[in-house]
Structures are given as C-alpha cells and as structure tokens.
Amino acid sequence: MKIATRFCVAAGAALLLLGLASMPKEAVAQGTARGENCILDHCADKKPLPAGPEIKADGVAKPASQPALGGKPNPTAYAARPRGSNAPGDFDFYVLSLSWSPGFCATGGAQRARAQCAAGANLGFVVHGLWPQYTHGYPSDCGPAARSPSRIALQGVKGLYPDEGLARYEWRKHGTCSGKSPTDYFADVRRAREAITIPPPFGKAHEGQSWTPVDIQRAFIAANPRLRPGMLAVECSKAVLREVRICFSKDLRNFVACPEVARHFCYARQITVPPAR
C-alpha cells in the first residue's frame, strides 16, 4: 500500500513539472507583467535598488558593486509592504521626487503624457510625488480606492504636478499613507517643493546639457545649504536625467539621511539633460 502511494505522489509531481516546462513563457510571465498603470515613472518607485554606494567626504558616491553596462546598477530587494497592511500615518520620512520633465518625455513618457510632452510645454522640474517612506521599503495604497480628492483639494496643486491625473494617482497610491486629508497632504506637497531651490543651470535650461550624476547632486547641495550627501539621489534612464529624489523629515522641517533611497543612484559616467521646450 505504501509503495503504491509513493508511486502516485511521484507520478503526480512529474506531471506537474512537465506541465510547467511546457507552459508558454508568456503565460508564466503574465502574472508579473500585470501591474498598475503608473503614470509618470513607469512604476519607478517599485523598481529594485542597486547595492549601496559608499558616500565619501567629498560627496562622491561610489557603487559598492560593479554596475552593469549602460549605467544600470545591480539590484537588491526593495518593495512596498503588502497592500492593505499599511496604517495611514505610519511611516518614517518623506521622499520628494522631482521629475525632469524633458528627460521623462525623452525616455518613453511622451507616449502616455502627450500634453506634458507637447512642444511648447516648457516644463523643467515638476513634482512627481511626495512619498511616505519606511527606513526599509514604503507603504502604498493605504486608503479606500473610492476616496478621491475633491475639486477644492486639487486646486492646491496647480503648478506642481504636470497634470491633474498624476495628482489623483499620487494621492491614491502615496497620499493616503500620509494620515492626512487630501487638502492637507497637497499643502505638504507644496511646502516640500517650495523648500527646494532648483540649481540655476536647470532654471532656464533651453539647451541640452551633459552632466555627471555626482555633479547634479553637488549642484543641488550647493543650492540648498542644509542638504548633504546621503539625503538625495539622482536617477537616470538610458543615460538621461529622469529624477532627483530628496528626503525630508515627517514634519518637512529638515532634510534627513535616507541610505536606502540614496542607494538608488545613477551610475552612468555622464548623462544627458534634455532641454525644456
């Protein structure tokens, strides 16, 4: 009897393995390919982070491991906690993500944000989001999906986000984790944005430029005296500037060190900064 049972178990396992081996790759990948329709960042806030850089006294960030070709660093685990397990207001600090709009448009964004990327939009740094963050990982989607910001609340974000659709999306995904009302959360977005001085070379960047990521970091530190290495990160895609992410305390009164965020650093030797038009 025991022999027959073992035979049946072994046969079943063999059939299961055979079925998985014959399954099309598209079907296997379908579950992981399915995700939210991220608006600005191609779900960049869910991408894995590279291994941590060594921040030297002169502000130069050196990768802890050899990056792959094309400036793409070797990833480590970095993800949101399971949806629904996050208590609004329970987080450690904020990340203000500023997107360089021409870089976003030049690396695939133009197909999904035509108004933002249209000729004459003349956008430089725009708010991508203000994200509650844990020391490791981040909360996400902390409130009911039907809880949408009112028209009055959205009036407070004019001139911050490139469009209202992104503001709504960011509230649903990140703002609901702040523990605040939509009006108060968007007021915090404005406070954080107004606390940052954009370096002069990016203020009227109507011609293309080339920078090293470290020099972009230094430019932001020079323009914001309380900012230090380890409190921000420069992100690129295809050797094009995409974002600068800056870490704030929960009360938005101070910049804070954020090692996990700072590890998400562009390791390309030199990157293009497309002009605002």
C-alpha atoms as a PDB file:
ATOM      1  CA  MET A   1       0.000   0.000   0.000  1.00  0.00           C
ATOM      2  CA  LYS A   2       2.816   2.408   0.974  1.00  0.00           C
ATOM      3  CA  ILE A   3       4.670   1.617  -2.253  1.00  0.00           C
ATOM      4  CA  ALA A   4       1.553   2.395  -4.334  1.00  0.00           C
ATOM      5  CA  THR A   5       1.047   5.710  -2.509  1.00  0.00           C
ATOM      6  CA  ARG A   6       4.654   6.796  -3.078  1.00  0.00           C
ATOM      7  CA  PHE A   7       4.343   5.887  -6.748  1.00  0.00           C
ATOM      8  CA  CYS A   8       1.217   8.061  -7.122  1.00  0.00           C
ATOM      9  CA  VAL A   9       2.862  11.050  -5.414  1.00  0.00           C
ATOM     10  CA  ALA A  10       5.970  10.765  -7.590  1.00  0.00           C
ATOM     11  CA  ALA A  11       3.892  10.441 -10.737  1.00  0.00           C
ATOM     12  CA  GLY A  12       1.823  13.495  -9.833  1.00  0.00           C
ATOM     13  CA  ALA A  13       4.923  15.588  -9.195  1.00  0.00           C
ATOM     14  CA  ALA A  14       6.420  14.523 -12.512  1.00  0.00           C
ATOM     15  CA  LEU A  15       3.249  15.508 -14.378  1.00  0.00           C
ATOM     16  CA  LEU A  16       3.215  18.912 -12.645  1.00  0.00           C
ATOM     17  CA  LEU A  17       6.831  19.627 -13.615  1.00  0.00           C
ATOM     18  CA  LEU A  18       6.134  18.531 -17.182  1.00  0.00           C
ATOM     19  CA  GLY A  19       3.162  20.903 -17.365  1.00  0.00           C
ATOM     20  CA  LEU A  20       5.196  23.861 -16.107  1.00  0.00           C
ATOM     21  CA  ALA A  21       8.001  23.105 -18.569  1.00  0.00           C
ATOM     22  CA  SER A  22       5.572  23.073 -21.485  1.00  0.00           C
ATOM     23  CA  MET A  23       3.759  26.251 -20.411  1.00  0.00           C
ATOM     24  CA  PRO A  24       4.437  29.208 -22.776  1.00  0.00           C
ATOM     25  CA  LYS A  25       6.770  31.849 -21.394  1.00  0.00           C
ATOM     26  CA  GLU A  26       4.090  34.474 -21.995  1.00  0.00           C
ATOM     27  CA  ALA A  27       1.726  32.672 -19.647  1.00  0.00           C
ATOM     28  CA  VAL A  28       4.366  32.313 -16.950  1.00  0.00           C
ATOM     29  CA  ALA A  29       5.261  35.991 -17.159  1.00  0.00           C
ATOM     30  CA  GLN A  30       1.661  37.185 -17.277  1.00  0.00           C
ATOM     31  CA  GLY A  31       1.321  37.435 -13.521  1.00  0.00           C
ATOM     32  CA  THR A  32       4.444  39.510 -13.063  1.00  0.00           C
ATOM     33  CA  ALA A  33       3.847  41.651 -16.111  1.00  0.00           C
ATOM     34  CA  ARG A  34       0.412  42.677 -14.802  1.00  0.00           C
ATOM     35  CA  GLY A  35       0.595  45.809 -12.653  1.00  0.00           C
ATOM     36  CA  GLU A  36      -0.795  49.250 -12.047  1.00  0.00           C
ATOM     37  CA  ASN A  37      -0.865  51.831 -14.780  1.00  0.00           C
ATOM     38  CA  CYS A  38       1.883  54.035 -13.352  1.00  0.00           C
ATOM     39  CA  ILE A  39       1.679  57.470 -14.871  1.00  0.00           C
ATOM     40  CA  LEU A  40       4.973  59.282 -14.677  1.00  0.00           C
ATOM     41  CA  ASP A  41       7.675  56.923 -13.550  1.00  0.00           C
ATOM     42  CA  HIS A  42       6.968  53.594 -15.300  1.00  0.00           C
ATOM     43  CA  CYS A  43       6.475  52.261 -11.759  1.00  0.00           C
ATOM     44  CA  ALA A  44       9.979  53.523 -10.916  1.00  0.00           C
ATOM     45  CA  ASP A  45       9.104  53.650  -7.237  1.00  0.00           C
ATOM     46  CA  LYS A  46       8.672  49.866  -7.366  1.00  0.00           C
ATOM     47  CA  LYS A  47      11.955  49.193  -9.140  1.00  0.00           C
ATOM     48  CA  PRO A  48      14.720  47.419  -7.239  1.00  0.00           C
ATOM     49  CA  LEU A  49      17.511  49.487  -5.808  1.00  0.00           C
ATOM     50  CA  PRO A  50      21.199  48.961  -6.521  1.00  0.00           C
ATOM     51  CA  ALA A  51      23.687  47.903  -3.923  1.00  0.00           C
ATOM     52  CA  GLY A  52      24.545  50.794  -1.630  1.00  0.00           C
ATOM     53  CA  PRO A  53      27.173  53.322  -2.631  1.00  0.00           C
ATOM     54  CA  GLU A  54      29.965  54.458  -0.385  1.00  0.00           C
ATOM     55  CA  ILE A  55      29.422  58.159   0.296  1.00  0.00           C
ATOM     56  CA  LYS A  56      32.845  59.780   0.625  1.00  0.00           C
ATOM     57  CA  ALA A  57      33.654  63.009   2.441  1.00  0.00           C
ATOM     58  CA  ASP A  58      33.796  64.957  -0.818  1.00  0.00           C
ATOM     59  CA  GLY A  59      30.267  63.920  -1.715  1.00  0.00           C
ATOM     60  CA  VAL A  60      31.259  61.442  -4.401  1.00  0.00           C
ATOM     61  CA  ALA A  61      29.082  58.355  -4.434  1.00  0.00           C
ATOM     62  CA  LYS A  62      30.902  55.180  -5.454  1.00  0.00           C
ATOM     63  CA  PRO A  63      28.979  51.972  -6.160  1.00  0.00           C
ATOM     64  CA  ALA A  64      29.579  49.153  -3.712  1.00  0.00           C
ATOM     65  CA  SER A  65      29.435  46.637  -6.540  1.00  0.00           C
ATOM     66  CA  GLN A  66      30.280  46.746 -10.220  1.00  0.00           C
ATOM     67  CA  PRO A  67      27.326  48.198 -12.172  1.00  0.00           C
ATOM     68  CA  ALA A  68      26.071  46.538 -15.310  1.00  0.00           C
ATOM     69  CA  LEU A  69      26.640  48.019 -18.740  1.00  0.00           C
ATOM     70  CA  GLY A  70      24.647  51.101 -19.660  1.00  0.00           C
ATOM     71  CA  GLY A  71      24.841  52.630 -16.188  1.00  0.00           C
ATOM     72  CA  LYS A  72      22.282  50.221 -14.706  1.00  0.00           C
ATOM     73  CA  PRO A  73      23.272  49.142 -11.200  1.00  0.00           C
ATOM     74  CA  ASN A  74      22.994  45.677  -9.755  1.00  0.00           C
ATOM     75  CA  PRO A  75      19.594  45.416  -7.983  1.00  0.00           C
ATOM     76  CA  THR A  76      18.734  44.449  -4.428  1.00  0.00           C
ATOM     77  CA  ALA A  77      15.316  43.836  -2.946  1.00  0.00           C
ATOM     78  CA  TYR A  78      13.248  46.989  -2.461  1.00  0.00           C
ATOM     79  CA  ALA A  79       9.468  46.934  -2.475  1.00  0.00           C
ATOM     80  CA  ALA A  80       6.296  48.155  -0.896  1.00  0.00           C
ATOM     81  CA  ARG A  81       4.852  46.247   2.008  1.00  0.00           C
ATOM     82  CA  PRO A  82       1.797  44.123   1.166  1.00  0.00           C
ATOM     83  CA  ARG A  83      -1.168  46.219   0.125  1.00  0.00           C
ATOM     84  CA  GLY A  84      -3.678  46.725   2.903  1.00  0.00           C
ATOM     85  CA  SER A  85      -1.111  46.172   5.681  1.00  0.00           C
ATOM     86  CA  ASN A  86      -0.210  49.855   5.987  1.00  0.00           C
ATOM     87  CA  ALA A  87      -1.703  52.127   8.635  1.00  0.00           C
ATOM     88  CA  PRO A  88      -2.103  55.725   7.374  1.00  0.00           C
ATOM     89  CA  GLY A  89       0.432  57.981   9.070  1.00  0.00           C
ATOM     90  CA  ASP A  90       2.741  55.102   9.998  1.00  0.00           C
ATOM     91  CA  PHE A  91       5.989  55.897   8.174  1.00  0.00           C
ATOM     92  CA  ASP A  92       9.466  57.243   8.923  1.00  0.00           C
ATOM     93  CA  PHE A  93      10.092  60.121   6.497  1.00  0.00           C
ATOM     94  CA  TYR A  94       9.059  61.647   3.183  1.00  0.00           C
ATOM     95  CA  VAL A  95      10.701  61.486  -0.233  1.00  0.00           C
ATOM     96  CA  LEU A  96      10.071  64.397  -2.570  1.00  0.00           C
ATOM     97  CA  SER A  97      10.545  63.152  -6.114  1.00  0.00           C
ATOM     98  CA  LEU A  98      11.201  65.851  -8.712  1.00  0.00           C
ATOM     99  CA  SER A  99      10.980  64.673 -12.297  1.00  0.00           C
ATOM    100  CA  TRP A 100      12.980  66.355 -15.036  1.00  0.00           C
ATOM    101  CA  SER A 101      10.080  66.563 -17.477  1.00  0.00           C
ATOM    102  CA  PRO A 102      12.170  66.655 -20.705  1.00  0.00           C
ATOM    103  CA  GLY A 103      14.032  63.539 -19.527  1.00  0.00           C
ATOM    104  CA  PHE A 104      10.767  61.761 -18.749  1.00  0.00           C
ATOM    105  CA  CYS A 105       9.419  62.674 -22.176  1.00  0.00           C
ATOM    106  CA  ALA A 106      12.624  61.567 -23.928  1.00  0.00           C
ATOM    107  CA  THR A 107      12.572  58.114 -22.327  1.00  0.00           C
ATOM    108  CA  GLY A 108       9.090  56.899 -23.223  1.00  0.00           C
ATOM    109  CA  GLY A 109       6.826  59.302 -21.357  1.00  0.00           C
ATOM    110  CA  ALA A 110       5.704  61.172 -24.455  1.00  0.00           C
ATOM    111  CA  GLN A 111       3.530  58.223 -25.490  1.00  0.00           C
ATOM    112  CA  ARG A 112       1.487  58.431 -22.292  1.00  0.00           C
ATOM    113  CA  ALA A 113       1.584  62.114 -21.378  1.00  0.00           C
ATOM    114  CA  ARG A 114       1.109  63.978 -24.628  1.00  0.00           C
ATOM    115  CA  ALA A 115       0.047  67.270 -23.064  1.00  0.00           C
ATOM    116  CA  GLN A 116       3.016  67.307 -20.711  1.00  0.00           C
ATOM    117  CA  CYS A 117       5.424  66.471 -23.514  1.00  0.00           C
ATOM    118  CA  ALA A 118       3.898  68.620 -26.239  1.00  0.00           C
ATOM    119  CA  ALA A 119       6.054  71.243 -27.941  1.00  0.00           C
ATOM    120  CA  GLY A 120       5.799  74.496 -26.032  1.00  0.00           C
ATOM    121  CA  ALA A 121       5.023  72.878 -22.676  1.00  0.00           C
ATOM    122  CA  ASN A 122       8.354  74.303 -21.451  1.00  0.00           C
ATOM    123  CA  LEU A 123       8.426  72.225 -18.269  1.00  0.00           C
ATOM    124  CA  GLY A 124      11.586  71.623 -16.284  1.00  0.00           C
ATOM    125  CA  PHE A 125      11.474  70.010 -12.843  1.00  0.00           C
ATOM    126  CA  VAL A 126       7.931  69.030 -11.867  1.00  0.00           C
ATOM    127  CA  VAL A 127       6.645  67.208  -8.818  1.00  0.00           C
ATOM    128  CA  HIS A 128       6.360  63.508  -9.390  1.00  0.00           C
ATOM    129  CA  GLY A 129       5.280  62.806  -5.838  1.00  0.00           C
ATOM    130  CA  LEU A 130       5.710  63.203  -2.091  1.00  0.00           C
ATOM    131  CA  TRP A 131       6.090  59.660  -0.786  1.00  0.00           C
ATOM    132  CA  PRO A 132       5.832  58.380   2.777  1.00  0.00           C
ATOM    133  CA  GLN A 133       8.763  56.045   3.276  1.00  0.00           C
ATOM    134  CA  TYR A 134       9.979  53.457   5.755  1.00  0.00           C
ATOM    135  CA  THR A 135      13.642  53.011   6.580  1.00  0.00           C
ATOM    136  CA  HIS A 136      13.286  49.831   4.505  1.00  0.00           C
ATOM    137  CA  GLY A 137      10.550  49.838   1.892  1.00  0.00           C
ATOM    138  CA  TYR A 138       7.488  52.061   1.718  1.00  0.00           C
ATOM    139  CA  PRO A 139       3.727  51.950   2.315  1.00  0.00           C
ATOM    140  CA  SER A 140       1.325  52.066  -0.603  1.00  0.00           C
ATOM    141  CA  ASP A 141      -2.430  52.358  -1.232  1.00  0.00           C
ATOM    142  CA  CYS A 142      -3.345  52.914   2.412  1.00  0.00           C
ATOM    143  CA  GLY A 143      -6.888  54.142   1.843  1.00  0.00           C
ATOM    144  CA  PRO A 144     -10.074  53.044   0.065  1.00  0.00           C
ATOM    145  CA  ALA A 145      -9.809  53.264  -3.706  1.00  0.00           C
ATOM    146  CA  ALA A 146     -13.016  55.329  -3.832  1.00  0.00           C
ATOM    147  CA  ARG A 147     -11.520  58.042  -1.615  1.00  0.00           C
ATOM    148  CA  SER A 148     -10.753  60.606  -4.282  1.00  0.00           C
ATOM    149  CA  PRO A 149      -9.594  64.178  -3.641  1.00  0.00           C
ATOM    150  CA  SER A 150     -12.191  66.893  -4.115  1.00  0.00           C
ATOM    151  CA  ARG A 151     -12.023  69.640  -6.692  1.00  0.00           C
ATOM    152  CA  ILE A 152     -11.162  72.131  -3.944  1.00  0.00           C
ATOM    153  CA  ALA A 153      -8.276  69.963  -2.731  1.00  0.00           C
ATOM    154  CA  LEU A 154      -6.931  69.645  -6.260  1.00  0.00           C
ATOM    155  CA  GLN A 155      -6.877  73.408  -6.680  1.00  0.00           C
ATOM    156  CA  GLY A 156      -3.975  73.430  -4.235  1.00  0.00           C
ATOM    157  CA  VAL A 157      -1.677  71.515  -6.591  1.00  0.00           C
ATOM    158  CA  LYS A 158      -1.862  73.734  -9.645  1.00  0.00           C
ATOM    159  CA  GLY A 159       1.620  74.388 -10.948  1.00  0.00           C
ATOM    160  CA  LEU A 160       3.152  71.475  -9.006  1.00  0.00           C
ATOM    161  CA  TYR A 161       2.246  68.303 -10.858  1.00  0.00           C
ATOM    162  CA  PRO A 162       2.351  68.343 -14.658  1.00  0.00           C
ATOM    163  CA  ASP A 163      -1.323  67.339 -14.813  1.00  0.00           C
ATOM    164  CA  GLU A 164      -4.280  66.653 -12.540  1.00  0.00           C
ATOM    165  CA  GLY A 165      -4.371  62.971 -13.431  1.00  0.00           C
ATOM    166  CA  LEU A 166      -0.957  62.454 -11.850  1.00  0.00           C
ATOM    167  CA  ALA A 167      -2.059  64.326  -8.715  1.00  0.00           C
ATOM    168  CA  ARG A 168      -5.048  61.997  -8.331  1.00  0.00           C
ATOM    169  CA  TYR A 169      -2.899  58.936  -8.872  1.00  0.00           C
ATOM    170  CA  GLU A 170      -0.260  60.077  -6.387  1.00  0.00           C
ATOM    171  CA  TRP A 171      -2.912  60.770  -3.750  1.00  0.00           C
ATOM    172  CA  ARG A 172      -4.367  57.293  -4.141  1.00  0.00           C
ATOM    173  CA  LYS A 173      -1.043  55.492  -4.077  1.00  0.00           C
ATOM    174  CA  HIS A 174       1.024  57.617  -1.684  1.00  0.00           C
ATOM    175  CA  GLY A 175      -1.061  60.412  -0.182  1.00  0.00           C
ATOM    176  CA  THR A 176      -3.469  58.013   1.506  1.00  0.00           C
ATOM    177  CA  CYS A 177      -0.495  56.743   3.530  1.00  0.00           C
ATOM    178  CA  SER A 178       0.257  60.190   4.968  1.00  0.00           C
ATOM    179  CA  GLY A 179      -2.563  60.034   7.507  1.00  0.00           C
ATOM    180  CA  LYS A 180      -3.785  63.435   6.316  1.00  0.00           C
ATOM    181  CA  SER A 181      -6.726  64.768   4.366  1.00  0.00           C
ATOM    182  CA  PRO A 182      -6.220  65.401   0.641  1.00  0.00           C
ATOM    183  CA  THR A 183      -6.165  69.165   1.257  1.00  0.00           C
ATOM    184  CA  ASP A 184      -3.512  68.899   3.967  1.00  0.00           C
ATOM    185  CA  TYR A 185      -1.455  66.361   2.024  1.00  0.00           C
ATOM    186  CA  PHE A 186      -1.346  68.550  -1.092  1.00  0.00           C
ATOM    187  CA  ALA A 187      -0.436  71.524   1.117  1.00  0.00           C
ATOM    188  CA  ASP A 188       2.537  69.451   2.312  1.00  0.00           C
ATOM    189  CA  VAL A 189       3.483  68.709  -1.297  1.00  0.00           C
ATOM    190  CA  ARG A 190       3.637  72.449  -1.940  1.00  0.00           C
ATOM    191  CA  ARG A 191       5.633  73.055   1.275  1.00  0.00           C
ATOM    192  CA  ALA A 192       8.184  70.438   0.285  1.00  0.00           C
ATOM    193  CA  ARG A 193       8.514  71.764  -3.249  1.00  0.00           C
ATOM    194  CA  GLU A 194       8.906  75.362  -2.083  1.00  0.00           C
ATOM    195  CA  ALA A 195      11.616  74.259   0.356  1.00  0.00           C
ATOM    196  CA  ILE A 196      13.832  73.226  -2.583  1.00  0.00           C
ATOM    197  CA  THR A 197      15.856  75.686  -4.612  1.00  0.00           C
ATOM    198  CA  ILE A 198      16.444  74.415  -8.130  1.00  0.00           C
ATOM    199  CA  PRO A 199      20.090  74.994  -9.179  1.00  0.00           C
ATOM    200  CA  PRO A 200      20.381  77.874 -11.685  1.00  0.00           C
ATOM    201  CA  PRO A 201      21.602  75.723 -14.626  1.00  0.00           C
ATOM    202  CA  PHE A 202      18.249  73.918 -14.551  1.00  0.00           C
ATOM    203  CA  GLY A 203      16.116  77.028 -14.159  1.00  0.00           C
ATOM    204  CA  LYS A 204      16.180  78.064 -17.805  1.00  0.00           C
ATOM    205  CA  ALA A 205      17.631  75.028 -19.497  1.00  0.00           C
ATOM    206  CA  HIS A 206      16.655  75.698 -23.091  1.00  0.00           C
ATOM    207  CA  GLU A 207      19.711  73.957 -24.484  1.00  0.00           C
ATOM    208  CA  GLY A 208      20.818  70.374 -23.975  1.00  0.00           C
ATOM    209  CA  GLN A 209      23.475  69.756 -21.353  1.00  0.00           C
ATOM    210  CA  SER A 210      25.750  66.940 -20.231  1.00  0.00           C
ATOM    211  CA  TRP A 211      26.386  66.296 -16.540  1.00  0.00           C
ATOM    212  CA  THR A 212      27.827  63.640 -14.325  1.00  0.00           C
ATOM    213  CA  PRO A 213      25.280  62.410 -11.754  1.00  0.00           C
ATOM    214  CA  VAL A 214      27.605  63.437  -8.912  1.00  0.00           C
ATOM    215  CA  ASP A 215      27.805  66.990 -10.248  1.00  0.00           C
ATOM    216  CA  ILE A 216      23.998  67.203 -10.351  1.00  0.00           C
ATOM    217  CA  GLN A 217      23.951  66.078  -6.731  1.00  0.00           C
ATOM    218  CA  ARG A 218      26.569  68.687  -5.847  1.00  0.00           C
ATOM    219  CA  ALA A 219      24.582  71.399  -7.644  1.00  0.00           C
ATOM    220  CA  PHE A 220      21.511  70.641  -5.520  1.00  0.00           C
ATOM    221  CA  ILE A 221      23.598  70.581  -2.341  1.00  0.00           C
ATOM    222  CA  ALA A 222      25.166  73.932  -3.234  1.00  0.00           C
ATOM    223  CA  ALA A 223      21.741  75.480  -3.878  1.00  0.00           C
ATOM    224  CA  ASN A 224      20.271  74.037  -0.659  1.00  0.00           C
ATOM    225  CA  PRO A 225      22.825  74.549   2.157  1.00  0.00           C
ATOM    226  CA  ARG A 226      21.218  72.150   4.658  1.00  0.00           C
ATOM    227  CA  LEU A 227      21.240  69.321   2.122  1.00  0.00           C
ATOM    228  CA  ARG A 228      24.007  66.740   2.458  1.00  0.00           C
ATOM    229  CA  PRO A 229      25.225  63.650   0.563  1.00  0.00           C
ATOM    230  CA  GLY A 230      23.157  60.674   1.607  1.00  0.00           C
ATOM    231  CA  MET A 231      19.968  62.763   1.692  1.00  0.00           C
ATOM    232  CA  LEU A 232      19.194  62.655  -2.027  1.00  0.00           C
ATOM    233  CA  ALA A 233      19.568  60.560  -5.157  1.00  0.00           C
ATOM    234  CA  VAL A 234      19.848  61.280  -8.870  1.00  0.00           C
ATOM    235  CA  GLU A 235      18.039  58.821 -11.134  1.00  0.00           C
ATOM    236  CA  CYS A 236      18.634  58.285 -14.838  1.00  0.00           C
ATOM    237  CA  SER A 237      17.288  56.091 -17.611  1.00  0.00           C
ATOM    238  CA  LYS A 238      19.277  55.279 -20.740  1.00  0.00           C
ATOM    239  CA  ALA A 239      21.884  57.834 -19.601  1.00  0.00           C
ATOM    240  CA  VAL A 240      19.214  60.574 -19.499  1.00  0.00           C
ATOM    241  CA  LEU A 241      18.301  62.507 -16.343  1.00  0.00           C
ATOM    242  CA  ARG A 242      14.903  61.391 -15.014  1.00  0.00           C
ATOM    243  CA  GLU A 243      14.537  62.436 -11.384  1.00  0.00           C
ATOM    244  CA  VAL A 244      16.092  63.916  -8.278  1.00  0.00           C
ATOM    245  CA  ARG A 245      14.740  62.474  -5.010  1.00  0.00           C
ATOM    246  CA  ILE A 246      15.207  64.366  -1.743  1.00  0.00           C
ATOM    247  CA  CYS A 247      14.425  63.079   1.756  1.00  0.00           C
ATOM    248  CA  PHE A 248      12.513  65.141   4.339  1.00  0.00           C
ATOM    249  CA  SER A 249      11.539  64.582   7.946  1.00  0.00           C
ATOM    250  CA  LYS A 250       7.853  63.834   8.575  1.00  0.00           C
ATOM    251  CA  ASP A 251       7.224  67.451   9.604  1.00  0.00           C
ATOM    252  CA  LEU A 252       9.046  68.690   6.464  1.00  0.00           C
ATOM    253  CA  ARG A 253      11.272  70.961   8.571  1.00  0.00           C
ATOM    254  CA  ASN A 254      14.544  69.220   7.844  1.00  0.00           C
ATOM    255  CA  PHE A 255      16.325  67.106   5.289  1.00  0.00           C
ATOM    256  CA  VAL A 256      17.162  63.648   6.602  1.00  0.00           C
ATOM    257  CA  ALA A 257      19.610  60.901   5.745  1.00  0.00           C
ATOM    258  CA  CYS A 258      17.968  58.064   3.837  1.00  0.00           C
ATOM    259  CA  PRO A 259      20.525  55.359   2.962  1.00  0.00           C
ATOM    260  CA  GLU A 260      18.100  53.118   1.079  1.00  0.00           C
ATOM    261  CA  VAL A 261      16.871  55.960  -1.129  1.00  0.00           C
ATOM    262  CA  ALA A 262      20.382  57.345  -1.633  1.00  0.00           C
ATOM    263  CA  ARG A 263      21.473  53.931  -2.937  1.00  0.00           C
ATOM    264  CA  HIS A 264      19.085  54.390  -5.857  1.00  0.00           C
ATOM    265  CA  PHE A 265      21.741  56.377  -7.676  1.00  0.00           C
ATOM    266  CA  CYS A 266      22.559  56.773 -11.356  1.00  0.00           C
ATOM    267  CA  TYR A 267      25.947  55.189 -12.012  1.00  0.00           C
ATOM    268  CA  ALA A 268      26.317  56.300 -15.616  1.00  0.00           C
ATOM    269  CA  ARG A 269      29.530  58.259 -16.021  1.00  0.00           C
ATOM    270  CA  GLN A 270      27.791  61.058 -17.865  1.00  0.00           C
ATOM    271  CA  ILE A 271      24.122  61.751 -18.558  1.00  0.00           C
ATOM    272  CA  THR A 272      22.192  63.949 -20.937  1.00  0.00           C
ATOM    273  CA  VAL A 273      19.864  66.650 -19.651  1.00  0.00           C
ATOM    274  CA  PRO A 274      17.411  67.348 -22.480  1.00  0.00           C
ATOM    275  CA  PRO A 275      16.287  70.977 -22.806  1.00  0.00           C
ATOM    276  CA  ALA A 276      12.907  72.308 -21.694  1.00  0.00           C
ATOM    277  CA  ARG A 277      10.828  73.334 -24.714  1.00  0.00           C
END
